[in-house]
C-alpha atoms as a PDB file:
ATOM      1  CA  MET A   1      21.338  30.787 -15.226  1.00  0.00           C
ATOM      2  CA  SER A   2      18.463  28.974 -13.494  1.00  0.00           C
ATOM      3  CA  THR A   3      18.209  25.215 -14.011  1.00  0.00           C
ATOM      4  CA  ALA A   4      14.737  24.918 -12.495  1.00  0.00           C
ATOM      5  CA  THR A   5      12.258  23.146 -14.729  1.00  0.00           C
ATOM      6  CA  PRO A   6       8.785  24.583 -15.420  1.00  0.00           C
ATOM      7  CA  ALA A   7       7.315  22.017 -12.996  1.00  0.00           C
ATOM      8  CA  MET A   8       9.695  23.145 -10.248  1.00  0.00           C
ATOM      9  CA  GLN A   9       8.992  26.823 -10.924  1.00  0.00           C
ATOM     10  CA  GLU A  10       5.231  26.247 -10.758  1.00  0.00           C
ATOM     11  CA  ARG A  11       5.648  24.276  -7.536  1.00  0.00           C
ATOM     12  CA  GLU A  12       7.685  27.057  -5.914  1.00  0.00           C
ATOM     13  CA  ARG A  13       5.187  29.693  -7.037  1.00  0.00           C
ATOM     14  CA  ARG A  14       2.271  27.836  -5.512  1.00  0.00           C
ATOM     15  CA  LEU A  15       4.206  27.004  -2.338  1.00  0.00           C
ATOM     16  CA  ARG A  16       4.900  30.700  -1.841  1.00  0.00           C
ATOM     17  CA  SER A  17       1.139  31.189  -1.881  1.00  0.00           C
ATOM     18  CA  VAL A  18       0.773  28.365   0.646  1.00  0.00           C
ATOM     19  CA  ARG A  19       3.299  29.992   2.984  1.00  0.00           C
ATOM     20  CA  LEU A  20       1.441  33.307   2.773  1.00  0.00           C
ATOM     21  CA  VAL A  21      -1.861  31.614   3.604  1.00  0.00           C
ATOM     22  CA  GLU A  22      -0.204  29.723   6.463  1.00  0.00           C
ATOM     23  CA  VAL A  23       0.912  33.049   7.935  1.00  0.00           C
ATOM     24  CA  LEU A  24      -2.724  34.172   7.880  1.00  0.00           C
ATOM     25  CA  ALA A  25      -3.760  30.900   9.546  1.00  0.00           C
ATOM     26  CA  ALA A  26      -1.134  31.438  12.248  1.00  0.00           C
ATOM     27  CA  ALA A  27      -2.419  34.985  12.774  1.00  0.00           C
ATOM     28  CA  GLY A  28      -5.922  33.580  13.196  1.00  0.00           C
ATOM     29  CA  ALA A  29      -4.678  30.971  15.685  1.00  0.00           C
ATOM     30  CA  ILE A  30      -2.829  33.567  17.759  1.00  0.00           C
ATOM     31  CA  THR A  31      -5.898  35.804  17.751  1.00  0.00           C
ATOM     32  CA  VAL A  32      -8.059  32.931  18.990  1.00  0.00           C
ATOM     33  CA  LEU A  33      -5.588  32.064  21.744  1.00  0.00           C
ATOM     34  CA  VAL A  34      -5.126  35.622  22.978  1.00  0.00           C
ATOM     35  CA  ALA A  35      -8.786  36.646  22.760  1.00  0.00           C
ATOM     36  CA  GLY A  36      -9.854  33.285  24.176  1.00  0.00           C
ATOM     37  CA  GLY A  37      -7.623  33.900  27.181  1.00  0.00           C
ATOM     38  CA  TYR A  38      -9.489  37.108  27.918  1.00  0.00           C
ATOM     39  CA  LEU A  39     -12.814  35.306  27.474  1.00  0.00           C
ATOM     40  CA  VAL A  40     -11.809  32.706  30.062  1.00  0.00           C
ATOM     41  CA  GLU A  41     -11.155  35.456  32.576  1.00  0.00           C
ATOM     42  CA  GLU A  42     -14.253  37.513  31.793  1.00  0.00           C
ATOM     43  CA  PHE A  43     -16.787  37.471  28.969  1.00  0.00           C
ATOM     44  CA  ALA A  44     -16.868  40.648  26.897  1.00  0.00           C
ATOM     45  CA  THR A  45     -18.150  41.533  23.437  1.00  0.00           C
ATOM     46  CA  GLY A  46     -14.753  42.620  22.075  1.00  0.00           C
ATOM     47  CA  PRO A  47     -12.840  39.415  22.895  1.00  0.00           C
ATOM     48  CA  ALA A  48     -15.807  37.322  21.746  1.00  0.00           C
ATOM     49  CA  LEU A  49     -15.857  39.009  18.324  1.00  0.00           C
ATOM     50  CA  ALA A  50     -12.062  38.749  18.066  1.00  0.00           C
ATOM     51  CA  THR A  51     -12.201  35.029  18.897  1.00  0.00           C
ATOM     52  CA  ALA A  52     -14.904  34.414  16.287  1.00  0.00           C
ATOM     53  CA  GLY A  53     -12.987  36.419  13.664  1.00  0.00           C
ATOM     54  CA  GLY A  54      -9.719  34.635  14.433  1.00  0.00           C
ATOM     55  CA  LEU A  55     -11.401  31.249  14.231  1.00  0.00           C
ATOM     56  CA  ALA A  56     -12.957  32.127  10.872  1.00  0.00           C
ATOM     57  CA  LEU A  57      -9.575  33.281   9.537  1.00  0.00           C
ATOM     58  CA  LEU A  58      -7.876  30.130  10.832  1.00  0.00           C
ATOM     59  CA  VAL A  59     -10.392  27.768   9.223  1.00  0.00           C
ATOM     60  CA  THR A  60     -10.570  29.646   5.920  1.00  0.00           C
ATOM     61  CA  ALA A  61      -6.810  29.970   5.565  1.00  0.00           C
ATOM     62  CA  SER A  62      -6.243  26.311   6.489  1.00  0.00           C
ATOM     63  CA  LEU A  63      -8.738  25.091   3.886  1.00  0.00           C
ATOM     64  CA  THR A  64      -7.235  27.414   1.269  1.00  0.00           C
ATOM     65  CA  ALA A  65      -3.703  26.157   1.971  1.00  0.00           C
ATOM     66  CA  ARG A  66      -4.897  22.574   1.663  1.00  0.00           C
ATOM     67  CA  ARG A  67      -6.567  23.321  -1.684  1.00  0.00           C
ATOM     68  CA  ILE A  68      -3.403  24.957  -3.060  1.00  0.00           C
ATOM     69  CA  ARG A  69      -1.223  22.060  -1.906  1.00  0.00           C
ATOM     70  CA  ARG A  70      -3.388  19.683  -3.899  1.00  0.00           C
ATOM     71  CA  LYS A  71      -2.315  21.563  -7.039  1.00  0.00           C
ATOM     72  CA  VAL A  72       1.401  20.957  -6.460  1.00  0.00           C
ATOM     73  CA  ARG A  73       1.452  17.356  -5.243  1.00  0.00           C
ATOM     74  CA  TYR A  74      -0.361  14.063  -5.064  1.00  0.00           C
ATOM     75  CA  ARG A  75      -0.313  12.583  -1.574  1.00  0.00           C
ATOM     76  CA  VAL A  76      -1.738   9.457  -0.003  1.00  0.00           C
ATOM     77  CA  ASP A  77      -1.911   9.309   3.793  1.00  0.00           C
ATOM     78  CA  ARG A  78      -2.636   6.461   6.140  1.00  0.00           C
ATOM     79  CA  PRO A  79      -6.344   5.786   6.733  1.00  0.00           C
ATOM     80  CA  ASN A  80      -8.059   8.236   9.116  1.00  0.00           C
ATOM     81  CA  SER A  81      -5.064  10.583   9.006  1.00  0.00           C
ATOM     82  CA  THR A  82      -7.198  13.731   9.233  1.00  0.00           C
ATOM     83  CA  ALA A  83      -9.150  12.416  12.222  1.00  0.00           C
ATOM     84  CA  TRP A  84      -5.945  11.496  14.056  1.00  0.00           C
ATOM     85  CA  LEU A  85      -4.441  14.918  13.342  1.00  0.00           C
ATOM     86  CA  ALA A  86      -7.566  16.643  14.654  1.00  0.00           C
ATOM     87  CA  GLY A  87      -7.357  14.508  17.785  1.00  0.00           C
ATOM     88  CA  LYS A  88      -3.695  15.403  18.333  1.00  0.00           C
ATOM     89  CA  ILE A  89      -4.414  19.121  17.935  1.00  0.00           C
ATOM     90  CA  ALA A  90      -7.348  18.862  20.348  1.00  0.00           C
ATOM     91  CA  ALA A  91      -5.125  17.027  22.834  1.00  0.00           C
ATOM     92  CA  VAL A  92      -2.517  19.804  22.673  1.00  0.00           C
ATOM     93  CA  LEU A  93      -5.163  22.486  23.238  1.00  0.00           C
ATOM     94  CA  VAL A  94      -6.811  20.589  26.100  1.00  0.00           C
ATOM     95  CA  GLY A  95      -3.402  19.849  27.618  1.00  0.00           C
ATOM     96  CA  GLY A  96      -2.489  23.529  27.493  1.00  0.00           C
ATOM     97  CA  ALA A  97      -5.760  24.488  29.147  1.00  0.00           C
ATOM     98  CA  VAL A  98      -5.277  21.890  31.886  1.00  0.00           C
ATOM     99  CA  VAL A  99      -1.754  23.145  32.589  1.00  0.00           C
ATOM    100  CA  VAL A 100      -3.020  26.717  32.935  1.00  0.00           C
ATOM    101  CA  LEU A 101      -5.885  25.680  35.248  1.00  0.00           C
ATOM    102  CA  VAL A 102      -3.612  23.551  37.451  1.00  0.00           C
ATOM    103  CA  ALA A 103      -1.072  26.377  37.646  1.00  0.00           C
ATOM    104  CA  ARG A 104      -3.788  28.771  38.778  1.00  0.00           C
ATOM    105  CA  ALA A 105      -5.086  26.293  41.352  1.00  0.00           C
ATOM    106  CA  LEU A 106      -1.580  25.918  42.775  1.00  0.00           C
ATOM    107  CA  GLU A 107      -1.105  29.695  42.635  1.00  0.00           C
ATOM    108  CA  VAL A 108       1.988  29.372  40.444  1.00  0.00           C
ATOM    109  CA  PRO A 109       3.257  32.805  39.344  1.00  0.00           C
ATOM    110  CA  SER A 110       1.735  33.696  35.968  1.00  0.00           C
ATOM    111  CA  LEU A 111       3.924  33.561  32.870  1.00  0.00           C
ATOM    112  CA  PRO A 112       3.694  36.303  30.243  1.00  0.00           C
ATOM    113  CA  ARG A 113       0.693  35.730  27.988  1.00  0.00           C
ATOM    114  CA  GLY A 114       2.853  36.110  24.864  1.00  0.00           C
ATOM    115  CA  LEU A 115       5.169  33.337  26.042  1.00  0.00           C
ATOM    116  CA  LEU A 116       2.253  30.981  26.563  1.00  0.00           C
ATOM    117  CA  VAL A 117       0.860  31.781  23.114  1.00  0.00           C
ATOM    118  CA  PHE A 118       4.145  31.135  21.310  1.00  0.00           C
ATOM    119  CA  ALA A 119       4.710  27.925  23.287  1.00  0.00           C
ATOM    120  CA  LEU A 120       1.285  26.639  22.283  1.00  0.00           C
ATOM    121  CA  VAL A 121       1.688  27.670  18.628  1.00  0.00           C
ATOM    122  CA  GLY A 122       5.114  26.013  18.542  1.00  0.00           C
ATOM    123  CA  SER A 123       3.643  22.820  19.982  1.00  0.00           C
ATOM    124  CA  LEU A 124       0.895  22.812  17.358  1.00  0.00           C
ATOM    125  CA  LEU A 125       3.390  23.296  14.517  1.00  0.00           C
ATOM    126  CA  ALA A 126       5.555  20.472  15.860  1.00  0.00           C
ATOM    127  CA  VAL A 127       2.550  18.142  16.051  1.00  0.00           C
ATOM    128  CA  VAL A 128       1.453  18.980  12.485  1.00  0.00           C
ATOM    129  CA  ASN A 129       4.952  18.511  11.044  1.00  0.00           C
ATOM    130  CA  GLN A 130       5.519  15.247  12.910  1.00  0.00           C
ATOM    131  CA  HIS A 131       2.144  13.936  11.784  1.00  0.00           C
ATOM    132  CA  ALA A 132       2.828  14.764   8.130  1.00  0.00           C
ATOM    133  CA  ALA A 133       6.241  13.059   8.291  1.00  0.00           C
ATOM    134  CA  ARG A 134       4.964   9.833   9.842  1.00  0.00           C
ATOM    135  CA  TRP A 135       1.538   9.445   8.252  1.00  0.00           C
ATOM    136  CA  THR A 136       2.386  10.092   4.599  1.00  0.00           C
ATOM    137  CA  LEU A 137       2.546   6.845   2.622  1.00  0.00           C
ATOM    138  CA  LEU A 138       3.102   8.172  -0.903  1.00  0.00           C
ATOM    139  CA  GLN A 139       3.744  11.607  -2.373  1.00  0.00           C
ATOM    140  CA  VAL A 140       4.461  12.679  -5.950  1.00  0.00           C
ATOM    141  CA  ASP A 141       5.565  16.223  -6.737  1.00  0.00           C
ATOM    142  CA  ALA A 142       8.090  18.149  -8.843  1.00  0.00           C
ATOM    143  CA  THR A 143      10.970  17.167  -6.535  1.00  0.00           C
ATOM    144  CA  GLY A 144      10.474  13.413  -6.787  1.00  0.00           C
ATOM    145  CA  VAL A 145       8.665  10.503  -5.172  1.00  0.00           C
ATOM    146  CA  ARG A 146       8.326  10.023  -1.437  1.00  0.00           C
ATOM    147  CA  LEU A 147       7.554   6.575  -0.038  1.00  0.00           C
ATOM    148  CA  ARG A 148       6.904   6.884   3.689  1.00  0.00           C
ATOM    149  CA  ARG A 149       9.897   8.849   5.022  1.00  0.00           C
ATOM    150  CA  THR A 150      12.167   8.142   2.036  1.00  0.00           C
ATOM    151  CA  HIS A 151      12.408  10.822  -0.652  1.00  0.00           C
ATOM    152  CA  VAL A 152      13.721   9.778  -4.068  1.00  0.00           C
ATOM    153  CA  PRO A 153      14.501  12.630  -6.528  1.00  0.00           C
ATOM    154  CA  TRP A 154      13.351  12.205 -10.122  1.00  0.00           C
ATOM    155  CA  LEU A 155      16.907  11.755 -11.423  1.00  0.00           C
ATOM    156  CA  ALA A 156      17.166   8.638  -9.248  1.00  0.00           C
ATOM    157  CA  VAL A 157      13.822   7.167 -10.353  1.00  0.00           C
ATOM    158  CA  ALA A 158      14.097   4.712 -13.237  1.00  0.00           C
ATOM    159  CA  ARG A 159      10.605   3.218 -12.884  1.00  0.00           C
ATOM    160  CA  LEU A 160       7.695   2.784 -10.501  1.00  0.00           C
ATOM    161  CA  ASP A 161       6.505  -0.780  -9.963  1.00  0.00           C
ATOM    162  CA  LEU A 162       3.085  -1.800  -8.661  1.00  0.00           C
ATOM    163  CA  ALA A 163       1.954  -5.156  -7.316  1.00  0.00           C
ATOM    164  CA  ASP A 164      -1.067  -6.409  -5.402  1.00  0.00           C
ATOM    165  CA  ALA A 165      -0.143  -6.771  -1.731  1.00  0.00           C
ATOM    166  CA  ALA A 166      -3.551  -7.809  -0.332  1.00  0.00           C
ATOM    167  CA  PRO A 167      -7.215  -7.340  -1.237  1.00  0.00           C
ATOM    168  CA  GLY A 168      -7.674  -3.591  -1.724  1.00  0.00           C
ATOM    169  CA  LEU A 169      -3.983  -2.823  -1.185  1.00  0.00           C
ATOM    170  CA  VAL A 170      -1.195  -2.108  -3.661  1.00  0.00           C
ATOM    171  CA  GLU A 171       2.532  -2.044  -3.032  1.00  0.00           C
ATOM    172  CA  VAL A 172       4.390   0.782  -4.788  1.00  0.00           C
ATOM    173  CA  GLY A 173       8.141   0.542  -5.217  1.00  0.00           C
ATOM    174  CA  VAL A 174      10.874   2.586  -6.887  1.00  0.00           C
ATOM    175  CA  ARG A 175      13.418   1.044  -9.222  1.00  0.00           C
ATOM    176  CA  LEU A 176      16.479   3.268  -8.900  1.00  0.00           C
ATOM    177  CA  ALA A 177      18.531   4.551 -11.812  1.00  0.00           C
ATOM    178  CA  PRO A 178      22.133   3.274 -12.028  1.00  0.00           C
ATOM    179  CA  GLY A 179      24.470   4.977  -9.596  1.00  0.00           C
ATOM    180  CA  HIS A 180      21.778   5.911  -7.049  1.00  0.00           C
ATOM    181  CA  VAL A 181      21.086   4.376  -3.648  1.00  0.00           C
ATOM    182  CA  ALA A 182      18.160   4.590  -1.249  1.00  0.00           C
ATOM    183  CA  GLY A 183      18.330   6.581   1.976  1.00  0.00           C
ATOM    184  CA  ASP A 184      18.987   5.142   5.419  1.00  0.00           C
ATOM    185  CA  GLU A 185      15.267   5.165   6.264  1.00  0.00           C
ATOM    186  CA  ALA A 186      14.259   3.193   3.157  1.00  0.00           C
ATOM    187  CA  VAL A 187      11.871   0.302   3.862  1.00  0.00           C
ATOM    188  CA  ARG A 188      11.684  -2.794   1.701  1.00  0.00           C
ATOM    189  CA  GLY A 189       8.305  -4.243   0.935  1.00  0.00           C
ATOM    190  CA  THR A 190       6.944  -7.763   1.251  1.00  0.00           C
ATOM    191  CA  VAL A 191       6.025  -8.220  -2.421  1.00  0.00           C
ATOM    192  CA  LEU A 192       8.511  -6.075  -4.330  1.00  0.00           C
ATOM    193  CA  THR A 193      11.423  -7.512  -2.403  1.00  0.00           C
ATOM    194  CA  ASP A 194      13.926  -6.794  -5.187  1.00  0.00           C
ATOM    195  CA  LEU A 195      13.381  -3.016  -4.905  1.00  0.00           C
ATOM    196  CA  PRO A 196      15.248  -0.916  -2.315  1.00  0.00           C
ATOM    197  CA  VAL A 197      12.217   1.055  -1.155  1.00  0.00           C
ATOM    198  CA  SER A 198       8.449   0.526  -1.318  1.00  0.00           C
ATOM    199  CA  THR A 199       5.240   1.124   0.570  1.00  0.00           C
ATOM    200  CA  VAL A 200       1.718  -0.300   0.696  1.00  0.00           C
ATOM    201  CA  VAL A 201      -1.198   2.022  -0.059  1.00  0.00           C
ATOM    202  CA  PRO A 202      -4.930   1.652  -0.730  1.00  0.00           C
ATOM    203  CA  GLY A 203      -5.445   0.299  -4.253  1.00  0.00           C
ATOM    204  CA  ALA A 204      -7.948   2.981  -5.237  1.00  0.00           C
ATOM    205  CA  ALA A 205      -5.390   5.708  -4.445  1.00  0.00           C
ATOM    206  CA  ALA A 206      -2.424   4.195  -6.276  1.00  0.00           C
ATOM    207  CA  GLY A 207      -3.649   2.454  -9.381  1.00  0.00           C
ATOM    208  CA  ALA A 208      -1.418   2.580 -12.437  1.00  0.00           C
ATOM    209  CA  ASP A 209      -3.605   5.117 -14.244  1.00  0.00           C
ATOM    210  CA  ARG A 210      -3.830   7.329 -11.150  1.00  0.00           C
ATOM    211  CA  LEU A 211      -0.069   7.349 -10.694  1.00  0.00           C
ATOM    212  CA  ARG A 212       0.531   8.082 -14.375  1.00  0.00           C
ATOM    213  CA  ARG A 213      -1.795  11.097 -14.124  1.00  0.00           C
ATOM    214  CA  ALA A 214      -0.043  12.269 -10.950  1.00  0.00           C
ATOM    215  CA  ILE A 215       3.374  12.019 -12.615  1.00  0.00           C
ATOM    216  CA  ALA A 216       2.143  13.819 -15.724  1.00  0.00           C
ATOM    217  CA  GLU A 217       0.564  16.607 -13.648  1.00  0.00           C
ATOM    218  CA  PHE A 218       3.090  17.079 -10.859  1.00  0.00           C
ATOM    219  CA  GLY A 219       6.245  15.264 -11.945  1.00  0.00           C
ATOM    220  CA  ASP A 220       9.430  16.710 -13.330  1.00  0.00           C
ATOM    221  CA  ARG A 221       9.829  14.221 -16.195  1.00  0.00           C
ATOM    222  CA  PRO A 222       8.070  11.153 -17.644  1.00  0.00           C
ATOM    223  CA  VAL A 223       8.576   7.943 -15.671  1.00  0.00           C
ATOM    224  CA  GLU A 224       7.312   4.487 -16.591  1.00  0.00           C
ATOM    225  CA  VAL A 225       4.756   2.851 -14.297  1.00  0.00           C
ATOM    226  CA  ALA A 226       4.837  -0.957 -14.539  1.00  0.00           C
ATOM    227  CA  VAL A 227       2.243  -3.314 -13.094  1.00  0.00           C
ATOM    228  CA  ARG A 228       3.529  -6.680 -11.947  1.00  0.00           C
ATOM    229  CA  THR A 229       1.287  -9.708 -12.039  1.00  0.00           C
ATOM    230  CA  PRO A 230       1.756 -12.886  -9.988  1.00  0.00           C
END
């Protein structure tokens, strides 16, 4: 007998859709890389159309996956997270191109095109995953609350506390239920020093009303949100 709650079931259903769309995005990326390789060697109408089609598929699928994710979680990233991610992806692509050009200039024996494609795709996936892990400040979904790199399941969450940390910034902390402890990567805050894990986020993104709506929409059960005053 399944013990998954309706919130968990809805999350898994939508995440399956995300994974399907991500496969399409990967197909678009591979198409761009392969067809772009032929374009570098010699311009032709076929590779040009394939590159344009792959790029369109990549962009459309990526935007669709992002829109679906917003329906299964509430996430707050560090400022300028998207710009930094775009820069990292561009750096990987430029780095790959430079390696290929240098190898040709030094007349290094060519590697199989498929190997180069999978190496580049793997590097891109690693960059995206690492960026998401390090740049997420707060996330609320059906599995629990994530503060930076610490994930706290809903059964361990007794209450969420908020306190002003600085002008325009709010510190969010988790008060744990009895019998639960924070993970090894938990970070204590500077205001909510009595809580085992907390993080500072922009005030507009983590007001009490906004968090209550996020918990009601994406959470697994009701959790109190308390605002501390000096």
